[in-house]
C-alpha atoms as a PDB file:
ATOM      1  CA  UNK A   1      21.017  19.479  17.573  1.00  0.00           C
ATOM      2  CA  UNK A   2      23.049  22.664  15.755  1.00  0.00           C
ATOM      3  CA  UNK A   3      20.757  25.511  15.313  1.00  0.00           C
ATOM      4  CA  UNK A   4      21.400  25.992  11.614  1.00  0.00           C
ATOM      5  CA  UNK A   5      21.402  22.094  10.971  1.00  0.00           C
ATOM      6  CA  UNK A   6      19.640  21.211   7.685  1.00  0.00           C
ATOM      7  CA  UNK A   7      16.088  19.519   8.687  1.00  0.00           C
ATOM      8  CA  UNK A   8      13.839  17.489   6.814  1.00  0.00           C
ATOM      9  CA  UNK A   9      10.106  16.840   7.294  1.00  0.00           C
ATOM     10  CA  UNK A  10       9.009  13.177   7.252  1.00  0.00           C
ATOM     11  CA  UNK A  11       8.117  13.360   3.568  1.00  0.00           C
ATOM     12  CA  UNK A  12      11.408  14.736   2.985  1.00  0.00           C
ATOM     13  CA  UNK A  13      13.051  12.099   4.865  1.00  0.00           C
ATOM     14  CA  UNK A  14      11.314   9.433   3.172  1.00  0.00           C
ATOM     15  CA  UNK A  15      12.349  10.665  -0.460  1.00  0.00           C
ATOM     16  CA  UNK A  16      15.820  10.992   0.944  1.00  0.00           C
ATOM     17  CA  UNK A  17      16.161   7.335   2.503  1.00  0.00           C
ATOM     18  CA  UNK A  18      13.873   5.411   0.153  1.00  0.00           C
ATOM     19  CA  UNK A  19      11.397   4.532   2.622  1.00  0.00           C
ATOM     20  CA  UNK A  20       7.655   5.087   3.396  1.00  0.00           C
ATOM     21  CA  UNK A  21       6.455   7.659   5.755  1.00  0.00           C
ATOM     22  CA  UNK A  22       4.552   4.816   7.230  1.00  0.00           C
ATOM     23  CA  UNK A  23       7.801   2.915   7.733  1.00  0.00           C
ATOM     24  CA  UNK A  24       9.576   5.901   9.385  1.00  0.00           C
ATOM     25  CA  UNK A  25       6.712   6.355  11.750  1.00  0.00           C
ATOM     26  CA  UNK A  26       6.806   2.704  12.431  1.00  0.00           C
ATOM     27  CA  UNK A  27      10.414   2.919  13.298  1.00  0.00           C
ATOM     28  CA  UNK A  28       9.990   5.728  15.633  1.00  0.00           C
ATOM     29  CA  UNK A  29       7.115   3.845  17.687  1.00  0.00           C
ATOM     30  CA  UNK A  30       9.475   0.715  17.987  1.00  0.00           C
ATOM     31  CA  UNK A  31      12.415   2.870  19.217  1.00  0.00           C
ATOM     32  CA  UNK A  32      14.529   1.992  15.950  1.00  0.00           C
ATOM     33  CA  UNK A  33      14.512   5.981  15.277  1.00  0.00           C
ATOM     34  CA  UNK A  34      14.791   8.925  17.610  1.00  0.00           C
ATOM     35  CA  UNK A  35      11.769  11.039  17.765  1.00  0.00           C
ATOM     36  CA  UNK A  36      11.622  13.976  15.507  1.00  0.00           C
ATOM     37  CA  UNK A  37      12.264  17.773  16.603  1.00  0.00           C
ATOM     38  CA  UNK A  38       9.260  19.468  17.119  1.00  0.00           C
ATOM     39  CA  UNK A  39       8.619  23.017  15.687  1.00  0.00           C
ATOM     40  CA  UNK A  40       5.261  23.971  16.527  1.00  0.00           C
ATOM     41  CA  UNK A  41       3.164  20.955  15.625  1.00  0.00           C
ATOM     42  CA  UNK A  42       5.432  19.779  12.848  1.00  0.00           C
ATOM     43  CA  UNK A  43       8.089  17.467  13.429  1.00  0.00           C
ATOM     44  CA  UNK A  44      11.650  17.617  11.926  1.00  0.00           C
ATOM     45  CA  UNK A  45      14.303  15.402  11.077  1.00  0.00           C
ATOM     46  CA  UNK A  46      18.158  15.729  11.000  1.00  0.00           C
ATOM     47  CA  UNK A  47      21.395  14.046   9.488  1.00  0.00           C
ATOM     48  CA  UNK A  48      21.407  11.788  12.520  1.00  0.00           C
ATOM     49  CA  UNK A  49      18.160  10.506  11.478  1.00  0.00           C
ATOM     50  CA  UNK A  50      19.211   9.726   8.156  1.00  0.00           C
ATOM     51  CA  UNK A  51      22.480   7.756   9.448  1.00  0.00           C
ATOM     52  CA  UNK A  52      20.168   5.760  11.510  1.00  0.00           C
ATOM     53  CA  UNK A  53      17.599   4.820   8.884  1.00  0.00           C
ATOM     54  CA  UNK A  54      20.305   3.789   6.839  1.00  0.00           C
ATOM     55  CA  UNK A  55      21.996   1.626   9.719  1.00  0.00           C
ATOM     56  CA  UNK A  56      18.640  -0.005  10.139  1.00  0.00           C
ATOM     57  CA  UNK A  57      17.973  -0.639   6.785  1.00  0.00           C
ATOM     58  CA  UNK A  58      21.730  -2.302   6.028  1.00  0.00           C
ATOM     59  CA  UNK A  59      21.193  -4.610   9.189  1.00  0.00           C
ATOM     60  CA  UNK A  60      17.823  -5.794   7.857  1.00  0.00           C
ATOM     61  CA  UNK A  61      19.132  -6.383   4.526  1.00  0.00           C
ATOM     62  CA  UNK A  62      22.065  -8.574   6.521  1.00  0.00           C
ATOM     63  CA  UNK A  63      18.944 -10.740   8.132  1.00  0.00           C
ATOM     64  CA  UNK A  64      19.051  -9.129  11.410  1.00  0.00           C
ATOM     65  CA  UNK A  65      15.449  -8.738  12.777  1.00  0.00           C
ATOM     66  CA  UNK A  66      13.858  -5.775  14.242  1.00  0.00           C
ATOM     67  CA  UNK A  67      13.952  -6.584  17.701  1.00  0.00           C
ATOM     68  CA  UNK A  68      17.924  -7.503  17.495  1.00  0.00           C
ATOM     69  CA  UNK A  69      18.395  -4.009  15.617  1.00  0.00           C
ATOM     70  CA  UNK A  70      16.761  -2.218  18.482  1.00  0.00           C
ATOM     71  CA  UNK A  71      19.224  -3.706  20.867  1.00  0.00           C
ATOM     72  CA  UNK A  72      22.348  -2.820  18.430  1.00  0.00           C
ATOM     73  CA  UNK A  73      21.249   1.027  17.809  1.00  0.00           C
ATOM     74  CA  UNK A  74      20.990   1.630  21.354  1.00  0.00           C
ATOM     75  CA  UNK A  75      24.295   0.362  22.051  1.00  0.00           C
ATOM     76  CA  UNK A  76      27.553   1.801  21.590  1.00  0.00           C
ATOM     77  CA  UNK A  77      27.839   5.227  19.670  1.00  0.00           C
ATOM     78  CA  UNK A  78      30.587   7.189  18.252  1.00  0.00           C
ATOM     79  CA  UNK A  79      30.959  10.925  18.131  1.00  0.00           C
ATOM     80  CA  UNK A  80      28.771  11.372  15.215  1.00  0.00           C
ATOM     81  CA  UNK A  81      25.963   9.292  13.865  1.00  0.00           C
ATOM     82  CA  UNK A  82      27.973   8.746  10.525  1.00  0.00           C
ATOM     83  CA  UNK A  83      30.901   7.074  12.401  1.00  0.00           C
ATOM     84  CA  UNK A  84      28.427   5.124  14.344  1.00  0.00           C
ATOM     85  CA  UNK A  85      26.836   3.949  11.087  1.00  0.00           C
ATOM     86  CA  UNK A  86      30.417   3.156   9.688  1.00  0.00           C
ATOM     87  CA  UNK A  87      31.342   1.152  12.972  1.00  0.00           C
ATOM     88  CA  UNK A  88      28.309  -1.253  12.541  1.00  0.00           C
ATOM     89  CA  UNK A  89      28.557  -1.763   9.034  1.00  0.00           C
ATOM     90  CA  UNK A  90      32.323  -2.661   9.420  1.00  0.00           C
ATOM     91  CA  UNK A  91      31.463  -4.879  12.371  1.00  0.00           C
ATOM     92  CA  UNK A  92      28.563  -6.473  11.172  1.00  0.00           C
ATOM     93  CA  UNK A  93      28.735  -6.323   7.508  1.00  0.00           C
ATOM     94  CA  UNK A  94      29.723  -9.379   5.355  1.00  0.00           C
ATOM     95  CA  UNK A  95      33.283 -10.145   4.544  1.00  0.00           C
ATOM     96  CA  UNK A  96      32.713 -11.448   1.251  1.00  0.00           C
ATOM     97  CA  UNK A  97      34.092  -9.789  -1.571  1.00  0.00           C
ATOM     98  CA  UNK A  98      31.295 -10.729  -3.744  1.00  0.00           C
ATOM     99  CA  UNK A  99      27.377  -9.902  -3.458  1.00  0.00           C
ATOM    100  CA  UNK A 100      25.123 -12.999  -3.414  1.00  0.00           C
ATOM    101  CA  UNK A 101      23.764 -14.253  -6.749  1.00  0.00           C
ATOM    102  CA  UNK A 102      20.139 -15.143  -7.329  1.00  0.00           C
ATOM    103  CA  UNK A 103      19.381 -18.078  -9.873  1.00  0.00           C
ATOM    104  CA  UNK A 104      16.469 -19.745 -11.513  1.00  0.00           C
ATOM    105  CA  UNK A 105      16.499 -23.264  -9.855  1.00  0.00           C
ATOM    106  CA  UNK A 106      16.493 -24.960 -13.041  1.00  0.00           C
ATOM    107  CA  UNK A 107      19.407 -23.023 -14.410  1.00  0.00           C
ATOM    108  CA  UNK A 108      21.231 -23.780 -11.284  1.00  0.00           C
ATOM    109  CA  UNK A 109      20.861 -27.330 -11.434  1.00  0.00           C
ATOM    110  CA  UNK A 110      21.826 -27.598 -14.836  1.00  0.00           C
ATOM    111  CA  UNK A 111      25.199 -25.810 -14.219  1.00  0.00           C
ATOM    112  CA  UNK A 112      26.021 -29.000 -12.249  1.00  0.00           C
ATOM    113  CA  UNK A 113      24.549 -31.507 -14.735  1.00  0.00           C
ATOM    114  CA  UNK A 114      21.443 -32.057 -12.270  1.00  0.00           C
ATOM    115  CA  UNK A 115      17.637 -31.999 -12.308  1.00  0.00           C
ATOM    116  CA  UNK A 116      16.158 -29.735  -9.649  1.00  0.00           C
ATOM    117  CA  UNK A 117      15.909 -31.345  -6.406  1.00  0.00           C
ATOM    118  CA  UNK A 118      14.002 -29.662  -3.529  1.00  0.00           C
ATOM    119  CA  UNK A 119      15.650 -32.024  -1.060  1.00  0.00           C
ATOM    120  CA  UNK A 120      18.974 -31.130  -1.984  1.00  0.00           C
ATOM    121  CA  UNK A 121      18.123 -27.340  -1.814  1.00  0.00           C
ATOM    122  CA  UNK A 122      17.155 -27.879   1.910  1.00  0.00           C
ATOM    123  CA  UNK A 123      20.675 -29.743   2.287  1.00  0.00           C
ATOM    124  CA  UNK A 124      22.453 -26.900   0.843  1.00  0.00           C
ATOM    125  CA  UNK A 125      20.435 -24.314   2.855  1.00  0.00           C
ATOM    126  CA  UNK A 126      21.201 -26.277   6.206  1.00  0.00           C
ATOM    127  CA  UNK A 127      25.024 -25.766   5.322  1.00  0.00           C
ATOM    128  CA  UNK A 128      24.548 -22.263   4.823  1.00  0.00           C
ATOM    129  CA  UNK A 129      25.379 -21.856   1.041  1.00  0.00           C
ATOM    130  CA  UNK A 130      21.818 -20.908  -0.299  1.00  0.00           C
ATOM    131  CA  UNK A 131      18.360 -20.160   0.283  1.00  0.00           C
ATOM    132  CA  UNK A 132      15.078 -20.269  -1.504  1.00  0.00           C
ATOM    133  CA  UNK A 133      13.630 -17.002  -2.101  1.00  0.00           C
ATOM    134  CA  UNK A 134       9.758 -16.346  -1.633  1.00  0.00           C
ATOM    135  CA  UNK A 135       9.491 -16.078  -5.299  1.00  0.00           C
ATOM    136  CA  UNK A 136      11.117 -19.549  -5.797  1.00  0.00           C
ATOM    137  CA  UNK A 137      14.435 -18.462  -6.875  1.00  0.00           C
ATOM    138  CA  UNK A 138      17.472 -19.467  -5.426  1.00  0.00           C
ATOM    139  CA  UNK A 139      19.880 -17.040  -3.619  1.00  0.00           C
ATOM    140  CA  UNK A 140      23.569 -18.315  -3.525  1.00  0.00           C
ATOM    141  CA  UNK A 141      25.160 -16.328  -0.523  1.00  0.00           C
ATOM    142  CA  UNK A 142      28.573 -17.259  -1.517  1.00  0.00           C
ATOM    143  CA  UNK A 143      29.250 -17.139  -5.400  1.00  0.00           C
ATOM    144  CA  UNK A 144      33.037 -18.160  -4.784  1.00  0.00           C
ATOM    145  CA  UNK A 145      31.926 -21.462  -3.544  1.00  0.00           C
ATOM    146  CA  UNK A 146      29.675 -22.214  -6.218  1.00  0.00           C
ATOM    147  CA  UNK A 147      32.298 -21.673  -8.841  1.00  0.00           C
ATOM    148  CA  UNK A 148      34.504 -24.043  -7.069  1.00  0.00           C
ATOM    149  CA  UNK A 149      32.092 -26.561  -6.629  1.00  0.00           C
ATOM    150  CA  UNK A 150      31.221 -26.419 -10.672  1.00  0.00           C
ATOM    151  CA  UNK A 151      34.965 -26.723 -11.386  1.00  0.00           C
ATOM    152  CA  UNK A 152      35.312 -29.702  -8.893  1.00  0.00           C
ATOM    153  CA  UNK A 153      32.248 -31.380 -10.705  1.00  0.00           C
ATOM    154  CA  UNK A 154      34.086 -30.761 -14.101  1.00  0.00           C
ATOM    155  CA  UNK A 155      36.968 -32.899 -12.559  1.00  0.00           C
ATOM    156  CA  UNK A 156      34.747 -35.925 -12.234  1.00  0.00           C
ATOM    157  CA  UNK A 157      33.573 -35.564  -8.473  1.00  0.00           C
ATOM    158  CA  UNK A 158      30.105 -36.456  -7.555  1.00  0.00           C
ATOM    159  CA  UNK A 159      27.392 -34.786  -5.741  1.00  0.00           C
ATOM    160  CA  UNK A 160      28.008 -36.605  -2.595  1.00  0.00           C
ATOM    161  CA  UNK A 161      31.784 -36.380  -2.722  1.00  0.00           C
ATOM    162  CA  UNK A 162      31.254 -32.379  -2.957  1.00  0.00           C
ATOM    163  CA  UNK A 163      28.447 -32.334  -0.268  1.00  0.00           C
ATOM    164  CA  UNK A 164      30.839 -34.017   2.150  1.00  0.00           C
ATOM    165  CA  UNK A 165      33.873 -31.827   1.634  1.00  0.00           C
ATOM    166  CA  UNK A 166      31.494 -28.659   1.807  1.00  0.00           C
ATOM    167  CA  UNK A 167      29.953 -29.956   5.070  1.00  0.00           C
ATOM    168  CA  UNK A 168      33.353 -30.395   6.636  1.00  0.00           C
ATOM    169  CA  UNK A 169      34.505 -27.007   5.069  1.00  0.00           C
ATOM    170  CA  UNK A 170      31.592 -24.865   6.621  1.00  0.00           C
ATOM    171  CA  UNK A 171      31.976 -26.530  10.022  1.00  0.00           C
ATOM    172  CA  UNK A 172      35.555 -25.845  10.438  1.00  0.00           C
ATOM    173  CA  UNK A 173      35.376 -22.478   8.994  1.00  0.00           C
ATOM    174  CA  UNK A 174      32.823 -21.564  11.514  1.00  0.00           C
ATOM    175  CA  UNK A 175      35.087 -22.716  14.253  1.00  0.00           C
ATOM    176  CA  UNK A 176      37.945 -20.682  12.817  1.00  0.00           C
ATOM    177  CA  UNK A 177      35.654 -17.779  12.630  1.00  0.00           C
ATOM    178  CA  UNK A 178      34.519 -17.969  16.065  1.00  0.00           C
ATOM    179  CA  UNK A 179      37.934 -18.168  17.327  1.00  0.00           C
ATOM    180  CA  UNK A 180      38.854 -14.856  15.545  1.00  0.00           C
ATOM    181  CA  UNK A 181      35.674 -12.989  16.493  1.00  0.00           C
ATOM    182  CA  UNK A 182      36.175 -14.209  20.280  1.00  0.00           C
ATOM    183  CA  UNK A 183      39.833 -13.049  20.480  1.00  0.00           C
ATOM    184  CA  UNK A 184      38.520  -9.738  19.397  1.00  0.00           C
ATOM    185  CA  UNK A 185      35.669  -9.387  22.104  1.00  0.00           C
ATOM    186  CA  UNK A 186      38.085 -10.771  24.697  1.00  0.00           C
ATOM    187  CA  UNK A 187      40.729  -8.265  24.240  1.00  0.00           C
ATOM    188  CA  UNK A 188      39.883  -4.858  22.145  1.00  0.00           C
ATOM    189  CA  UNK A 189      36.026  -4.886  22.927  1.00  0.00           C
ATOM    190  CA  UNK A 190      36.491  -6.005  26.534  1.00  0.00           C
ATOM    191  CA  UNK A 191      39.043  -3.033  27.222  1.00  0.00           C
ATOM    192  CA  UNK A 192      36.431  -0.619  25.267  1.00  0.00           C
ATOM    193  CA  UNK A 193      33.445  -1.771  27.691  1.00  0.00           C
ATOM    194  CA  UNK A 194      35.863  -1.566  30.857  1.00  0.00           C
ATOM    195  CA  UNK A 195      36.833   1.845  29.755  1.00  0.00           C
ATOM    196  CA  UNK A 196      33.096   3.108  29.781  1.00  0.00           C
ATOM    197  CA  UNK A 197      32.435   2.953  26.037  1.00  0.00           C
ATOM    198  CA  UNK A 198      33.888   6.083  25.435  1.00  0.00           C
ATOM    199  CA  UNK A 199      32.485   7.273  21.781  1.00  0.00           C
ATOM    200  CA  UNK A 200      35.678   8.501  20.351  1.00  0.00           C
ATOM    201  CA  UNK A 201      37.325   4.731  20.724  1.00  0.00           C
ATOM    202  CA  UNK A 202      34.610   3.433  18.163  1.00  0.00           C
ATOM    203  CA  UNK A 203      36.174   4.528  15.011  1.00  0.00           C
ATOM    204  CA  UNK A 204      39.474   3.137  16.386  1.00  0.00           C
ATOM    205  CA  UNK A 205      37.890  -0.198  16.852  1.00  0.00           C
ATOM    206  CA  UNK A 206      36.338  -0.132  13.052  1.00  0.00           C
ATOM    207  CA  UNK A 207      39.598   0.589  11.812  1.00  0.00           C
ATOM    208  CA  UNK A 208      41.031  -2.343  13.840  1.00  0.00           C
ATOM    209  CA  UNK A 209      38.446  -4.821  12.579  1.00  0.00           C
ATOM    210  CA  UNK A 210      39.263  -3.738   8.950  1.00  0.00           C
ATOM    211  CA  UNK A 211      42.754  -4.668   9.752  1.00  0.00           C
ATOM    212  CA  UNK A 212      41.839  -8.098  11.098  1.00  0.00           C
ATOM    213  CA  UNK A 213      39.897  -8.998   8.312  1.00  0.00           C
ATOM    214  CA  UNK A 214      42.933  -9.598   5.806  1.00  0.00           C
ATOM    215  CA  UNK A 215      45.021 -10.976   8.632  1.00  0.00           C
ATOM    216  CA  UNK A 216      42.237 -13.604   9.517  1.00  0.00           C
ATOM    217  CA  UNK A 217      42.039 -14.616   5.903  1.00  0.00           C
ATOM    218  CA  UNK A 218      45.715 -14.891   5.350  1.00  0.00           C
ATOM    219  CA  UNK A 219      45.999 -16.976   8.523  1.00  0.00           C
ATOM    220  CA  UNK A 220      43.336 -19.118   7.174  1.00  0.00           C
ATOM    221  CA  UNK A 221      44.852 -19.432   3.721  1.00  0.00           C
ATOM    222  CA  UNK A 222      48.585 -20.314   5.210  1.00  0.00           C
ATOM    223  CA  UNK A 223      47.384 -23.117   7.864  1.00  0.00           C
ATOM    224  CA  UNK A 224      45.195 -24.557   4.995  1.00  0.00           C
ATOM    225  CA  UNK A 225      48.285 -24.955   2.849  1.00  0.00           C
ATOM    226  CA  UNK A 226      50.280 -26.356   5.638  1.00  0.00           C
ATOM    227  CA  UNK A 227      47.478 -28.759   6.387  1.00  0.00           C
ATOM    228  CA  UNK A 228      46.964 -30.297   3.008  1.00  0.00           C
ATOM    229  CA  UNK A 229      50.641 -30.653   2.601  1.00  0.00           C
ATOM    230  CA  UNK A 230      50.658 -32.838   5.653  1.00  0.00           C
ATOM    231  CA  UNK A 231      47.455 -34.480   4.662  1.00  0.00           C
ATOM    232  CA  UNK A 232      48.709 -35.405   0.977  1.00  0.00           C
ATOM    233  CA  UNK A 233      51.798 -36.798   2.735  1.00  0.00           C
ATOM    234  CA  UNK A 234      50.177 -39.026   4.976  1.00  0.00           C
ATOM    235  CA  UNK A 235      47.685 -40.341   2.409  1.00  0.00           C
ATOM    236  CA  UNK A 236      50.336 -41.376   0.179  1.00  0.00           C
ATOM    237  CA  UNK A 237      52.440 -42.995   2.619  1.00  0.00           C
ATOM    238  CA  UNK A 238      49.773 -44.997   3.729  1.00  0.00           C
ATOM    239  CA  UNK A 239      48.852 -45.921   0.206  1.00  0.00           C
ATOM    240  CA  UNK A 240      52.585 -46.872  -0.366  1.00  0.00           C
ATOM    241  CA  UNK A 241      52.459 -49.086   2.775  1.00  0.00           C
ATOM    242  CA  UNK A 242      48.958 -50.966   1.766  1.00  0.00           C
ATOM    243  CA  UNK A 243      50.311 -51.379  -1.882  1.00  0.00           C
ATOM    244  CA  UNK A 244      53.593 -52.738  -0.259  1.00  0.00           C
ATOM    245  CA  UNK A 245      51.808 -55.040   1.851  1.00  0.00           C
ATOM    246  CA  UNK A 246      49.489 -56.248  -0.964  1.00  0.00           C
ATOM    247  CA  UNK A 247      52.504 -57.534  -3.161  1.00  0.00           C
ATOM    248  CA  UNK A 248      54.460 -59.201  -0.326  1.00  0.00           C
ATOM    249  CA  UNK A 249      56.812 -56.765   0.499  1.00  0.00           C
ATOM    250  CA  UNK A 250      57.979 -56.025  -3.016  1.00  0.00           C
ATOM    251  CA  UNK A 251      58.787 -52.148  -3.582  1.00  0.00           C
ATOM    252  CA  UNK A 252      56.289 -50.875  -5.895  1.00  0.00           C
ATOM    253  CA  UNK A 253      57.791 -47.374  -6.159  1.00  0.00           C
ATOM    254  CA  UNK A 254      60.697 -46.943  -8.577  1.00  0.00           C
ATOM    255  CA  UNK A 255      64.104 -46.651  -7.038  1.00  0.00           C
ATOM    256  CA  UNK A 256      66.004 -44.441  -9.325  1.00  0.00           C
ATOM    257  CA  UNK A 257      69.275 -45.792  -8.274  1.00  0.00           C
ATOM    258  CA  UNK A 258      68.313 -49.245  -9.768  1.00  0.00           C
ATOM    259  CA  UNK A 259      67.268 -47.970 -13.141  1.00  0.00           C
ATOM    260  CA  UNK A 260      69.005 -49.373 -16.287  1.00  0.00           C
ATOM    261  CA  UNK A 261      71.754 -46.714 -17.307  1.00  0.00           C
ATOM    262  CA  UNK A 262      72.867 -46.722 -20.968  1.00  0.00           C
ATOM    263  CA  UNK A 263      76.456 -48.204 -21.199  1.00  0.00           C
END
């Protein structure tokens, strides 16, 4: 600790971070927060304590339990507490460009022309699209997917059609995401661990992850564009063959060369 670093009492730290004194003491007891510096019988906290509490709070908001957070915050560290927080926010923070939305169940159902259905909420929750909050409202994790679903419903697709596509989409998206994450772990993270986790390398890894995010998104879009082009071609070729067989070999697709032309 620098001799002239700004220090805070536990009450000042609580006011600065928006936590209660009780929560801060609990975090110290659980090993989530380093013990304060003692001056006489009074404990004081520094900016590294502020940064650590911001990290813990951010990870809690992302769904990590306290046991998992304790393991994470005791792991790799950057030269400063702020850089450590920045790394974990980049690595573990959501890649979504929109924040989750909270809906009243009735309003959400009406948006799709449906009645509230607890079984449907459970199905969508199992697919990772939404969750029911303690107060009964519905939190939609990915509003963009919800908007796409509403637009598809407006085009005439039924609920089971949409759920079938959503299930395949989430499964395959998960597999692609796992592949990208594993690639990072096998290459850059492995090298970082082998080098002894040097603190100065952590900000570099944070910047790398920021560069990987748009590249991964671009790769997924490009691969999907190719895949849907090929799938559409196969589907219409199959349909043409089935129609051709149904009419006994008669060609059902117009041949431009056989069209009558004006004399």
